[in-house]
Amino acid sequence: MNIIFELEDILRRKIILTGGTLEHILEKPEMLNQEERIKETLTQPRIIKRSNYIETVLLYYRLYGQTPVTRKYLLVVQITNSIGYVKTAFYTDRIKKGETIWEK
């Protein structure tokens, strides 16, 4: 497994981003060179929600005033096990409904 980064999130959990997942994220042109913002969203989110559809998925949001696609939230989707793995990341207009796990 090609690990791009490993860090501790705001919940003090180990999170990993793999090369395969980064390739998937980079399919969206606006996500080019956004790795530092992905890290920042995991370590300093505005809010973390649990997915309404999959219990083991957490949604990390952080608002950025300037992005490649205007003012947006960066959403980092993470699958939780004993170790969390980033599943995807993209910019979005709004925070989805769901149980709030953590909020700043």
N, C-alpha and C. Protein backbone atom coordinates (compact mmCIF):
# COMPACT_ATOMS: atom_id res chain seq x y z
N MET A 1 0.86 -1.19 0.00
CA MET A 1 0.00 0.00 0.00
C MET A 1 0.89 1.24 0.00
N ASN A 2 0.68 2.11 -0.95
CA ASN A 2 1.43 3.35 -1.09
C ASN A 2 0.77 4.45 -0.24
N ILE A 3 1.37 4.79 0.88
CA ILE A 3 0.80 5.80 1.78
C ILE A 3 1.31 7.18 1.41
N ILE A 4 0.39 8.11 1.13
CA ILE A 4 0.73 9.50 0.80
C ILE A 4 0.97 10.27 2.09
N PHE A 5 0.05 10.11 3.05
CA PHE A 5 0.28 10.67 4.38
C PHE A 5 -0.48 9.88 5.42
N GLU A 6 0.00 10.03 6.65
CA GLU A 6 -0.61 9.43 7.83
C GLU A 6 -0.60 10.53 8.88
N LEU A 7 -1.73 10.75 9.54
CA LEU A 7 -1.79 11.81 10.55
C LEU A 7 -2.78 11.44 11.64
N GLU A 8 -2.82 12.27 12.67
CA GLU A 8 -3.80 12.11 13.73
C GLU A 8 -4.85 13.20 13.55
N ASP A 9 -6.11 12.81 13.46
CA ASP A 9 -7.17 13.79 13.25
C ASP A 9 -7.55 14.50 14.55
N ILE A 10 -8.53 15.37 14.47
CA ILE A 10 -8.99 16.14 15.63
C ILE A 10 -9.52 15.23 16.74
N LEU A 11 -9.98 14.03 16.37
CA LEU A 11 -10.51 13.07 17.35
C LEU A 11 -9.40 12.16 17.90
N ARG A 12 -8.16 12.48 17.53
CA ARG A 12 -6.97 11.73 17.96
C ARG A 12 -6.94 10.30 17.42
N ARG A 13 -7.42 10.17 16.19
CA ARG A 13 -7.43 8.87 15.52
C ARG A 13 -6.45 8.89 14.35
N LYS A 14 -5.84 7.78 14.08
CA LYS A 14 -4.89 7.66 12.97
C LYS A 14 -5.67 7.61 11.65
N ILE A 15 -5.30 8.49 10.71
CA ILE A 15 -5.94 8.56 9.39
C ILE A 15 -4.87 8.41 8.32
N ILE A 16 -5.18 7.65 7.29
CA ILE A 16 -4.24 7.39 6.19
C ILE A 16 -4.88 7.78 4.86
N LEU A 17 -4.07 8.43 4.00
CA LEU A 17 -4.45 8.66 2.60
C LEU A 17 -3.50 7.84 1.74
N THR A 18 -4.06 6.97 0.90
CA THR A 18 -3.24 6.13 0.03
C THR A 18 -3.12 6.73 -1.37
N GLY A 19 -2.14 6.26 -2.11
CA GLY A 19 -1.93 6.72 -3.47
C GLY A 19 -3.12 6.46 -4.37
N GLY A 20 -3.75 5.30 -4.22
CA GLY A 20 -4.92 4.97 -5.04
C GLY A 20 -6.08 5.92 -4.79
N THR A 21 -6.28 6.27 -3.52
CA THR A 21 -7.35 7.20 -3.18
C THR A 21 -7.02 8.60 -3.70
N LEU A 22 -5.76 9.01 -3.58
CA LEU A 22 -5.36 10.32 -4.10
C LEU A 22 -5.58 10.37 -5.61
N GLU A 23 -5.27 9.31 -6.32
CA GLU A 23 -5.54 9.27 -7.77
C GLU A 23 -7.02 9.50 -8.05
N HIS A 24 -7.88 8.84 -7.27
CA HIS A 24 -9.33 9.02 -7.42
C HIS A 24 -9.73 10.48 -7.15
N ILE A 25 -9.20 11.06 -6.09
CA ILE A 25 -9.52 12.46 -5.74
C ILE A 25 -9.09 13.40 -6.86
N LEU A 26 -7.92 13.14 -7.45
CA LEU A 26 -7.37 14.02 -8.48
C LEU A 26 -8.09 13.90 -9.83
N GLU A 27 -9.06 13.00 -9.94
CA GLU A 27 -9.88 12.94 -11.15
C GLU A 27 -10.70 14.22 -11.30
N LYS A 28 -10.93 14.92 -10.19
CA LYS A 28 -11.60 16.23 -10.22
C LYS A 28 -10.50 17.29 -10.34
N PRO A 29 -10.45 18.03 -11.44
CA PRO A 29 -9.36 18.99 -11.68
C PRO A 29 -9.18 20.01 -10.55
N GLU A 30 -10.28 20.41 -9.90
CA GLU A 30 -10.18 21.40 -8.82
C GLU A 30 -9.45 20.87 -7.59
N MET A 31 -9.22 19.55 -7.53
CA MET A 31 -8.55 18.97 -6.37
C MET A 31 -7.03 18.87 -6.53
N LEU A 32 -6.52 19.30 -7.67
CA LEU A 32 -5.08 19.30 -7.89
C LEU A 32 -4.39 20.18 -6.85
N ASN A 33 -3.35 19.67 -6.22
CA ASN A 33 -2.57 20.39 -5.21
C ASN A 33 -3.37 20.76 -3.96
N GLN A 34 -4.35 19.96 -3.60
CA GLN A 34 -5.17 20.25 -2.41
C GLN A 34 -4.84 19.33 -1.23
N GLU A 35 -3.72 18.61 -1.29
CA GLU A 35 -3.37 17.67 -0.23
C GLU A 35 -3.23 18.34 1.14
N GLU A 36 -2.65 19.53 1.19
CA GLU A 36 -2.49 20.22 2.47
C GLU A 36 -3.85 20.62 3.04
N ARG A 37 -4.77 21.00 2.19
CA ARG A 37 -6.12 21.33 2.66
C ARG A 37 -6.86 20.09 3.15
N ILE A 38 -6.60 18.95 2.54
CA ILE A 38 -7.19 17.69 3.02
C ILE A 38 -6.68 17.42 4.43
N LYS A 39 -5.38 17.56 4.64
CA LYS A 39 -4.80 17.38 5.98
C LYS A 39 -5.42 18.36 6.97
N GLU A 40 -5.52 19.61 6.56
CA GLU A 40 -6.06 20.66 7.43
C GLU A 40 -7.52 20.36 7.80
N THR A 41 -8.29 19.86 6.86
CA THR A 41 -9.70 19.54 7.11
C THR A 41 -9.82 18.40 8.12
N LEU A 42 -8.91 17.45 8.07
CA LEU A 42 -8.93 16.33 9.02
C LEU A 42 -8.46 16.76 10.42
N THR A 43 -7.51 17.67 10.48
CA THR A 43 -6.95 18.07 11.78
C THR A 43 -7.63 19.29 12.38
N GLN A 44 -8.29 20.12 11.54
CA GLN A 44 -8.94 21.33 12.01
C GLN A 44 -10.28 21.54 11.31
N PRO A 45 -11.18 20.57 11.39
CA PRO A 45 -12.47 20.72 10.70
C PRO A 45 -13.35 21.75 11.40
N ARG A 46 -14.37 22.20 10.69
CA ARG A 46 -15.41 23.03 11.31
C ARG A 46 -16.44 22.13 11.97
N ILE A 47 -16.73 21.01 11.29
CA ILE A 47 -17.73 20.07 11.80
C ILE A 47 -17.43 18.67 11.23
N ILE A 48 -17.80 17.65 12.02
CA ILE A 48 -17.71 16.26 11.56
C ILE A 48 -19.09 15.65 11.73
N LYS A 49 -19.59 15.04 10.66
CA LYS A 49 -20.90 14.37 10.66
C LYS A 49 -20.71 12.88 10.42
N ARG A 50 -21.63 12.08 10.92
CA ARG A 50 -21.66 10.66 10.57
C ARG A 50 -22.59 10.52 9.36
N SER A 51 -22.21 9.70 8.42
CA SER A 51 -23.04 9.45 7.24
C SER A 51 -24.39 8.88 7.67
N ASN A 52 -25.45 9.33 7.01
CA ASN A 52 -26.79 8.78 7.25
C ASN A 52 -26.93 7.39 6.64
N TYR A 53 -26.03 7.03 5.75
CA TYR A 53 -26.18 5.78 4.99
C TYR A 53 -25.26 4.66 5.47
N ILE A 54 -24.05 5.04 5.90
CA ILE A 54 -23.07 4.02 6.31
C ILE A 54 -22.49 4.44 7.66
N GLU A 55 -22.78 3.67 8.68
CA GLU A 55 -22.40 3.97 10.07
C GLU A 55 -20.90 4.24 10.24
N THR A 56 -20.07 3.55 9.46
CA THR A 56 -18.62 3.66 9.63
C THR A 56 -17.98 4.79 8.81
N VAL A 57 -18.80 5.65 8.21
CA VAL A 57 -18.27 6.75 7.39
C VAL A 57 -18.46 8.08 8.13
N LEU A 58 -17.36 8.84 8.26
CA LEU A 58 -17.41 10.18 8.84
C LEU A 58 -17.14 11.21 7.76
N LEU A 59 -17.80 12.36 7.87
CA LEU A 59 -17.69 13.44 6.90
C LEU A 59 -17.09 14.65 7.59
N TYR A 60 -15.89 15.05 7.19
CA TYR A 60 -15.17 16.18 7.77
C TYR A 60 -15.34 17.39 6.84
N TYR A 61 -15.76 18.52 7.41
CA TYR A 61 -15.98 19.73 6.61
C TYR A 61 -15.13 20.88 7.14
N ARG A 62 -14.59 21.66 6.21
CA ARG A 62 -13.90 22.90 6.55
C ARG A 62 -14.20 23.90 5.43
N LEU A 63 -14.61 25.12 5.82
CA LEU A 63 -14.95 26.15 4.84
C LEU A 63 -13.71 26.91 4.40
N TYR A 64 -13.59 27.08 3.09
CA TYR A 64 -12.49 27.87 2.50
C TYR A 64 -13.09 29.01 1.69
N GLY A 65 -12.67 30.23 1.99
CA GLY A 65 -13.17 31.41 1.28
C GLY A 65 -12.76 31.44 -0.17
N GLN A 66 -11.59 30.92 -0.45
CA GLN A 66 -11.11 30.86 -1.83
C GLN A 66 -10.68 29.44 -2.14
N THR A 67 -11.25 28.87 -3.20
CA THR A 67 -10.85 27.56 -3.69
C THR A 67 -10.79 27.66 -5.20
N PRO A 68 -10.35 26.61 -5.88
CA PRO A 68 -10.38 26.64 -7.35
C PRO A 68 -11.80 26.79 -7.91
N VAL A 69 -12.81 26.58 -7.06
CA VAL A 69 -14.21 26.67 -7.52
C VAL A 69 -15.03 27.60 -6.61
N THR A 70 -14.50 28.74 -6.25
CA THR A 70 -15.13 29.76 -5.39
C THR A 70 -15.17 29.36 -3.92
N ARG A 71 -15.99 30.04 -3.13
CA ARG A 71 -16.10 29.78 -1.69
C ARG A 71 -16.87 28.48 -1.48
N LYS A 72 -16.22 27.49 -0.86
CA LYS A 72 -16.84 26.17 -0.69
C LYS A 72 -16.30 25.50 0.57
N TYR A 73 -17.04 24.47 0.99
CA TYR A 73 -16.54 23.56 2.02
C TYR A 73 -15.71 22.49 1.33
N LEU A 74 -14.60 22.12 1.96
CA LEU A 74 -13.91 20.91 1.54
C LEU A 74 -14.49 19.79 2.38
N LEU A 75 -14.96 18.76 1.73
CA LEU A 75 -15.50 17.57 2.40
C LEU A 75 -14.49 16.45 2.23
N VAL A 76 -14.04 15.90 3.35
CA VAL A 76 -13.17 14.72 3.32
C VAL A 76 -13.97 13.57 3.91
N VAL A 77 -14.15 12.52 3.12
CA VAL A 77 -14.92 11.35 3.54
C VAL A 77 -13.93 10.31 4.03
N GLN A 78 -14.19 9.82 5.24
CA GLN A 78 -13.26 8.90 5.87
C GLN A 78 -14.01 7.67 6.37
N ILE A 79 -13.46 6.50 6.11
CA ILE A 79 -14.04 5.25 6.58
C ILE A 79 -13.35 4.89 7.87
N THR A 80 -14.12 4.64 8.92
CA THR A 80 -13.54 4.36 10.23
C THR A 80 -13.46 2.86 10.49
N ASN A 81 -12.32 2.45 10.94
CA ASN A 81 -12.07 1.12 11.49
C ASN A 81 -11.21 1.41 12.71
N SER A 82 -10.28 0.55 13.04
CA SER A 82 -9.32 0.91 14.09
C SER A 82 -8.41 2.02 13.54
N ILE A 83 -8.21 2.01 12.23
CA ILE A 83 -7.50 3.08 11.52
C ILE A 83 -8.49 3.67 10.53
N GLY A 84 -8.45 4.98 10.35
CA GLY A 84 -9.33 5.61 9.37
C GLY A 84 -8.62 5.77 8.03
N TYR A 85 -9.34 5.53 6.98
CA TYR A 85 -8.81 5.70 5.62
C TYR A 85 -9.63 6.76 4.89
N VAL A 86 -8.95 7.71 4.27
CA VAL A 86 -9.65 8.69 3.44
C VAL A 86 -10.21 7.94 2.24
N LYS A 87 -11.50 8.12 2.00
CA LYS A 87 -12.17 7.47 0.87
C LYS A 87 -12.21 8.40 -0.34
N THR A 88 -12.50 9.69 -0.08
CA THR A 88 -12.53 10.69 -1.15
C THR A 88 -12.52 12.07 -0.52
N ALA A 89 -12.38 13.09 -1.36
CA ALA A 89 -12.44 14.49 -0.91
C ALA A 89 -12.86 15.33 -2.10
N PHE A 90 -13.70 16.34 -1.82
CA PHE A 90 -14.15 17.23 -2.90
C PHE A 90 -14.75 18.48 -2.27
N TYR A 91 -14.94 19.50 -3.10
CA TYR A 91 -15.56 20.75 -2.64
C TYR A 91 -17.07 20.65 -2.81
N THR A 92 -17.79 21.24 -1.85
CA THR A 92 -19.25 21.19 -1.85
C THR A 92 -19.82 22.50 -1.31
N ASP A 93 -21.07 22.78 -1.66
CA ASP A 93 -21.73 24.02 -1.22
C ASP A 93 -22.27 23.96 0.19
N ARG A 94 -22.59 22.75 0.66
CA ARG A 94 -23.29 22.68 1.94
C ARG A 94 -22.87 21.46 2.75
N ILE A 95 -23.19 21.54 4.03
CA ILE A 95 -22.95 20.43 4.95
C ILE A 95 -24.18 19.52 4.90
N LYS A 96 -23.95 18.24 4.74
CA LYS A 96 -25.05 17.28 4.65
C LYS A 96 -25.69 17.06 6.02
N LYS A 97 -26.93 16.56 6.00
CA LYS A 97 -27.61 16.20 7.23
C LYS A 97 -26.94 14.97 7.82
N GLY A 98 -27.13 14.79 9.09
CA GLY A 98 -26.58 13.61 9.75
C GLY A 98 -26.19 13.95 11.18
N GLU A 99 -25.87 12.92 11.93
CA GLU A 99 -25.48 13.10 13.32
C GLU A 99 -24.16 13.86 13.41
N THR A 100 -24.14 14.90 14.22
CA THR A 100 -22.91 15.66 14.43
C THR A 100 -22.05 14.92 15.45
N ILE A 101 -20.81 14.60 15.07
CA ILE A 101 -19.87 13.90 15.92
C ILE A 101 -19.00 14.90 16.69
N TRP A 102 -18.64 15.99 16.01
CA TRP A 102 -17.76 17.02 16.59
C TRP A 102 -18.05 18.33 15.88
N GLU A 103 -18.00 19.44 16.63
CA GLU A 103 -18.21 20.75 16.01
C GLU A 103 -17.35 21.78 16.73
N LYS A 104 -16.78 22.67 15.94
CA LYS A 104 -15.93 23.72 16.51
C LYS A 104 -16.79 24.82 17.10
